[in-house]
Each structure stands twice: as C-alpha cells, then as structure tokens.
Amino acid sequence: MLRWLKTVEGAIAIKRPQLKGLINGVLRQFQRQQEELLAEFNASDARYLHPSWLLKRLQKAYPEQWQSIVEANNQRPPMWLRINRTHHSRDSWLALLDEAGMKGFPHADYPDAVRLETPAPVHALPSFEDGWVTVQDASAQGCMTWLAPQNGEHILDLCAAPGGKTTHILEVAPEAQVVAVDIDEQRLSRVYDNLKRLGMKATVKQGDGRYPSQWCGEQQFDRILLDAPCSATGCDSSPSRY
C-alpha cells in the first residue's frame, strides 16, 4: 500500500494530477490479477526487459553469453567524465571534486577518464560550464588511445555529432586542424555548443561521409576518426530506459 500511495503522489509531484485515476485503476487491476499477470510475465521474454527481436538476435549471436549481456544491459550504467587536460590534470580536478563533496575514481587505462561514485547533474560538477570536464563514456574516450592525434596534423572526425570526440581530439592535440563532419544539420548544433563551452575551434561541415568530394574536395588528412552509425544497442543501458 505504501508503494501504491507513493506512485499516486508521484503524479502530483510531477504536476500531472490527472493521472491519479489512471494509476489507481492500473494498480487495482494488478492487485486483482497479480498471480496471473506475474506468471504470464515470467513465462515471456518481457522479464528480460529487452524486445523479443533483440533477444533472438543476441541468443543466435552469443548462445553462451546472451543472458550475461542482457543482465549487464539492465544495470544502471556508471557516469564517466573526461577531464580537460588543457585546464587541469586529472588529479587536480579530482581534488576539486572532493572539495565539492563528491567522489570520483580514475580509470586504470584512460588518462582523462573519471568515474563518479554517484551520478550527479552536470551543473553540480566543478567548472563544467567553464569547459573543465565533459560527460563521456569510458569506451568513447578509449578510441583516442588508438587515434593518437598529434599537434599540427589535419584530422577528420566523420559522423562527428554531438562533438564529444571532436573536442577530445583538440584536448589531446590543441594545435591539430580538425574538421568535424556530420550528415545531420540539427545535430551539428551540438558540436558548435560543445566547442563553445570548451573554448575550442574546429571546421564544422554538414556532409555525407560516403561522398567526401562534396564537402572536402581534394583535401587530405593525416588521421580519420569514423564513429559510424550502427544498431545503437550500446544505448540499451542508458539512463533513458529508467
């Protein structure tokens, strides 16, 4: 009953009191059919919290590991940050974080990565608006180890929006000449926003990576980073699911 009341109170808290009747109706129906509904739930794919089509593909591709993959997807992901090395060392920023009453842990392999003990809103992070830190998964930060950008190089970031890797390139190699390209003009606005917040400059272009002559002509690049569109199953553990 306490959970019931809290659920109804939640509708009021989010300023949707008109939902109280619907919530009460759903909970009453569940109370009447609880055993039947739970049995049906446990006998179906719904218990895995993944769509059936994806479960079938995972089972086919990873017959021994699919349940572990599903369980990992259903865990709340950690919040990873990237420390802007042009402003602070990771250790000095961790000290600022400690002063703010929060705790973070450095990644063992990626020199700019920090995991927050408890996820927090970005405005609570020390000097976020000043560009000292960016929210970015550790796996996304790891690609910079392989790219190894150098000052003075011409570097292309394809499928660049929202600009996390574009700005990371410039943090690692501030004197690199970076061209950021994405096919989606609307998403490119986020590249501009990130560059502005971090105080960086790059050439930003709208274009289709399949037809480079349309947006870069004969320009040559020393390194190319391509984070191509994919199945997006990596988003299965994102907070938006909860």
Protein backbone atom coordinates (compact mmCIF):
# COMPACT_ATOMS: atom_id res chain seq x y z
CA MET A 1 0.00 0.00 0.00
CA LEU A 2 2.87 2.40 0.77
CA ARG A 3 4.31 1.95 -2.73
CA TRP A 4 0.81 2.49 -4.13
CA LEU A 5 0.50 5.82 -2.30
CA LYS A 6 3.98 6.90 -3.39
CA THR A 7 3.13 6.13 -7.01
CA VAL A 8 -0.02 8.25 -6.82
CA GLU A 9 1.89 11.01 -5.01
CA GLY A 10 4.46 10.89 -7.80
CA ALA A 11 1.81 12.00 -10.30
CA ILE A 12 1.17 15.04 -8.14
CA ALA A 13 4.88 15.73 -7.72
CA ILE A 14 5.40 15.90 -11.49
CA LYS A 15 2.33 18.14 -11.78
CA ARG A 16 0.18 15.56 -13.54
CA PRO A 17 -2.68 15.09 -11.03
CA GLN A 18 -4.98 13.99 -13.87
CA LEU A 19 -3.06 10.72 -13.93
CA LYS A 20 -4.14 9.74 -10.41
CA GLY A 21 -7.27 7.96 -11.64
CA LEU A 22 -5.37 6.03 -14.30
CA ILE A 23 -2.67 4.99 -11.82
CA ASN A 24 -5.25 3.84 -9.28
CA GLY A 25 -7.09 1.87 -11.94
CA VAL A 26 -3.96 0.12 -13.18
CA LEU A 27 -2.83 -0.75 -9.65
CA ARG A 28 -6.26 -2.09 -8.68
CA GLN A 29 -6.32 -4.26 -11.80
CA PHE A 30 -2.86 -5.56 -10.97
CA GLN A 31 -3.91 -6.31 -7.40
CA ARG A 32 -6.86 -8.37 -8.63
CA GLN A 33 -4.84 -10.29 -11.24
CA GLN A 34 -1.42 -10.27 -9.61
CA GLU A 35 -0.71 -14.02 -9.71
CA GLU A 36 -1.94 -14.41 -13.28
CA LEU A 37 -0.02 -11.38 -14.55
CA LEU A 38 3.22 -12.34 -12.81
CA ALA A 39 3.02 -15.89 -14.16
CA GLU A 40 2.47 -14.54 -17.67
CA PHE A 41 5.33 -12.08 -17.24
CA ASN A 42 7.77 -14.75 -16.01
CA ALA A 43 6.86 -17.05 -18.89
CA SER A 44 7.54 -14.40 -21.54
CA ASP A 45 10.53 -12.51 -22.90
CA ALA A 46 9.29 -9.43 -21.05
CA ARG A 47 11.16 -10.50 -17.92
CA TYR A 48 14.42 -9.72 -19.68
CA LEU A 49 13.36 -6.10 -20.33
CA HIS A 50 14.51 -6.35 -23.95
CA PRO A 51 12.41 -6.53 -27.12
CA SER A 52 11.88 -10.06 -28.44
CA TRP A 53 13.59 -9.35 -31.76
CA LEU A 54 16.77 -8.23 -29.99
CA LEU A 55 16.73 -11.21 -27.63
CA LYS A 56 16.51 -13.60 -30.58
CA ARG A 57 19.49 -11.94 -32.25
CA LEU A 58 21.54 -12.00 -29.08
CA GLN A 59 20.70 -15.66 -28.50
CA LYS A 60 21.75 -16.51 -32.03
CA ALA A 61 24.96 -14.48 -31.98
CA TYR A 62 26.00 -15.31 -28.41
CA PRO A 63 24.35 -18.61 -27.40
CA GLU A 64 26.50 -18.95 -24.27
CA GLN A 65 26.72 -15.31 -23.20
CA TRP A 66 23.38 -13.73 -24.13
CA GLN A 67 21.96 -13.80 -20.59
CA SER A 68 25.06 -12.10 -19.20
CA ILE A 69 24.76 -9.43 -21.91
CA VAL A 70 21.11 -8.83 -21.05
CA GLU A 71 21.86 -8.64 -17.33
CA ALA A 72 24.65 -6.13 -17.96
CA ASN A 73 22.31 -4.02 -20.11
CA ASN A 74 19.79 -3.93 -17.27
CA GLN A 75 22.27 -2.50 -14.78
CA ARG A 76 22.36 1.23 -14.25
CA PRO A 77 25.49 2.46 -16.02
CA PRO A 78 28.19 4.46 -14.23
CA MET A 79 28.66 8.14 -15.01
CA TRP A 80 32.02 8.71 -16.69
CA LEU A 81 33.66 12.09 -17.12
CA ARG A 82 36.52 13.32 -19.28
CA ILE A 83 38.85 15.82 -17.67
CA ASN A 84 40.03 18.58 -19.99
CA ARG A 85 43.80 18.25 -19.75
CA THR A 86 44.29 21.74 -21.22
CA HIS A 87 42.80 23.16 -18.00
CA HIS A 88 43.62 20.65 -15.26
CA SER A 89 45.35 17.40 -14.57
CA ARG A 90 43.02 14.59 -13.59
CA ASP A 91 44.39 14.52 -10.04
CA SER A 92 43.88 18.26 -9.51
CA TRP A 93 40.29 18.06 -10.79
CA LEU A 94 39.61 15.09 -8.50
CA ALA A 95 40.73 17.32 -5.63
CA LEU A 96 38.17 19.94 -6.72
CA LEU A 97 35.54 17.22 -6.88
CA ASP A 98 36.40 16.17 -3.35
CA GLU A 99 36.05 19.77 -2.16
CA ALA A 100 32.57 19.80 -3.72
CA GLY A 101 31.62 16.81 -1.58
CA MET A 102 31.71 14.23 -4.37
CA LYS A 103 33.98 11.29 -5.01
CA GLY A 104 35.47 10.06 -8.27
CA PHE A 105 37.75 7.25 -9.37
CA PRO A 106 40.37 7.42 -12.15
CA HIS A 107 40.24 4.91 -14.99
CA ALA A 108 43.17 2.50 -14.96
CA ASP A 109 43.87 2.79 -18.70
CA TYR A 110 42.43 6.08 -19.99
CA PRO A 111 44.31 9.09 -18.62
CA ASP A 112 41.46 11.62 -18.76
CA ALA A 113 38.62 9.39 -17.51
CA VAL A 114 36.95 9.62 -14.10
CA ARG A 115 34.00 7.59 -12.81
CA LEU A 116 31.70 9.31 -10.35
CA GLU A 117 30.83 7.30 -7.26
CA THR A 118 27.27 8.64 -7.56
CA PRO A 119 25.88 10.15 -10.80
CA ALA A 120 25.25 13.88 -10.49
CA PRO A 121 23.72 16.66 -12.61
CA VAL A 122 26.32 18.39 -14.75
CA HIS A 123 25.72 21.78 -13.13
CA ALA A 124 27.00 20.29 -9.86
CA LEU A 125 30.35 19.36 -11.39
CA PRO A 126 33.21 21.79 -10.66
CA SER A 127 33.63 24.24 -13.56
CA PHE A 128 31.54 22.23 -16.03
CA GLU A 129 30.33 25.40 -17.75
CA ASP A 130 33.94 26.58 -17.99
CA GLY A 131 34.84 23.53 -20.04
CA TRP A 132 36.97 21.75 -17.45
CA VAL A 133 35.03 18.49 -17.70
CA THR A 134 32.77 16.66 -20.18
CA VAL A 135 30.39 13.74 -19.72
CA GLN A 136 31.64 10.91 -21.95
CA ASP A 137 31.62 7.13 -21.58
CA ALA A 138 34.96 5.49 -20.93
CA SER A 139 34.62 3.37 -24.08
CA ALA A 140 34.24 6.50 -26.19
CA GLN A 141 37.33 8.01 -24.57
CA GLY A 142 39.32 4.88 -25.29
CA CYS A 143 39.34 5.45 -29.05
CA MET A 144 41.68 8.42 -28.55
CA THR A 145 44.40 5.97 -27.48
CA TRP A 146 44.18 4.36 -30.91
CA LEU A 147 43.80 7.58 -32.88
CA ALA A 148 46.78 9.19 -31.10
CA PRO A 149 46.29 12.68 -32.60
CA GLN A 150 49.35 14.93 -32.87
CA ASN A 151 49.74 18.70 -32.95
CA GLY A 152 49.96 20.11 -36.47
CA GLU A 153 48.07 17.23 -38.09
CA HIS A 154 44.96 17.53 -40.24
CA ILE A 155 42.35 15.27 -38.65
CA LEU A 156 38.87 14.37 -39.88
CA ASP A 157 36.10 13.39 -37.46
CA LEU A 158 33.31 11.78 -39.50
CA CYS A 159 29.81 11.33 -38.06
CA ALA A 160 31.04 13.85 -35.50
CA ALA A 161 27.86 14.96 -33.71
CA PRO A 162 27.44 15.71 -30.88
CA GLY A 163 31.14 16.56 -30.78
CA GLY A 164 32.49 14.59 -27.83
CA LYS A 165 35.31 13.02 -29.81
CA THR A 166 35.94 16.22 -31.80
CA THR A 167 36.66 18.12 -28.60
CA HIS A 168 38.66 15.23 -27.16
CA ILE A 169 40.97 15.36 -30.19
CA LEU A 170 41.55 19.06 -29.52
CA GLU A 171 42.23 18.44 -25.84
CA VAL A 172 44.89 15.87 -26.70
CA ALA A 173 46.32 17.86 -29.64
CA PRO A 174 45.32 21.54 -29.25
CA GLU A 175 47.23 22.59 -32.37
CA ALA A 176 45.67 20.00 -34.66
CA GLN A 177 43.50 21.19 -37.55
CA VAL A 178 40.22 19.34 -37.03
CA VAL A 179 37.35 19.02 -39.49
CA ALA A 180 34.10 17.73 -37.97
CA VAL A 181 31.51 16.40 -40.43
CA ASP A 182 28.00 15.07 -39.85
CA ILE A 183 25.06 14.48 -42.16
CA ASP A 184 22.51 15.83 -39.66
CA GLU A 185 22.46 19.63 -39.63
CA GLN A 186 20.35 19.76 -36.48
CA ARG A 187 22.78 17.57 -34.52
CA LEU A 188 25.69 19.71 -35.71
CA SER A 189 24.37 22.47 -33.45
CA ARG A 190 25.52 20.36 -30.51
CA VAL A 191 29.02 20.23 -31.98
CA TYR A 192 29.07 24.04 -32.01
CA ASP A 193 27.74 24.11 -28.43
CA ASN A 194 30.46 21.77 -27.18
CA LEU A 195 33.21 23.66 -28.98
CA LYS A 196 31.97 26.92 -27.49
CA ARG A 197 31.74 25.56 -23.93
CA LEU A 198 35.28 24.18 -24.11
CA GLY A 199 36.67 27.27 -25.87
CA MET A 200 37.86 25.36 -28.94
CA LYS A 201 37.80 25.84 -32.69
CA ALA A 202 37.25 23.35 -35.48
CA THR A 203 35.93 23.44 -39.02
CA VAL A 204 32.38 22.09 -38.87
CA LYS A 205 30.63 20.90 -42.03
CA GLN A 206 27.41 19.20 -42.98
CA GLY A 207 28.08 16.32 -45.34
CA ASP A 208 27.64 12.67 -46.20
CA GLY A 209 30.71 10.58 -45.42
CA ARG A 210 30.04 8.45 -48.50
CA TYR A 211 30.66 11.42 -50.79
CA PRO A 212 33.72 13.28 -49.44
CA SER A 213 34.31 15.20 -52.67
CA GLN A 214 31.12 17.15 -51.96
CA TRP A 215 32.44 18.69 -48.76
CA CYS A 216 36.25 18.39 -48.69
CA GLY A 217 37.28 18.45 -52.33
CA GLU A 218 40.87 17.22 -52.64
CA GLN A 219 41.81 17.86 -49.01
CA GLN A 220 43.97 15.15 -47.44
CA PHE A 221 44.02 14.09 -43.78
CA ASP A 222 46.69 12.59 -41.55
CA ARG A 223 44.14 10.72 -39.44
CA ILE A 224 40.43 9.94 -39.76
CA LEU A 225 38.11 9.04 -36.90
CA LEU A 226 34.88 7.34 -38.02
CA ASP A 227 32.25 6.54 -35.39
CA ALA A 228 29.77 5.20 -37.93
CA PRO A 229 26.01 4.82 -37.32
CA CYS A 230 25.22 1.34 -36.03
CA SER A 231 22.50 -0.64 -34.27
CA ALA A 232 22.56 1.71 -31.25
CA THR A 233 22.32 -1.30 -28.92
CA GLY A 234 25.03 0.37 -26.86
CA CYS A 235 22.28 2.70 -25.63
CA ASP A 236 20.41 -0.21 -24.01
CA SER A 237 21.94 0.60 -20.63
CA SER A 238 21.43 4.36 -20.88
CA PRO A 239 19.50 6.18 -18.11
CA SER A 240 16.71 6.99 -20.59
CA ARG A 241 15.43 3.43 -20.12
CA TYR A 242 14.53 4.03 -16.50
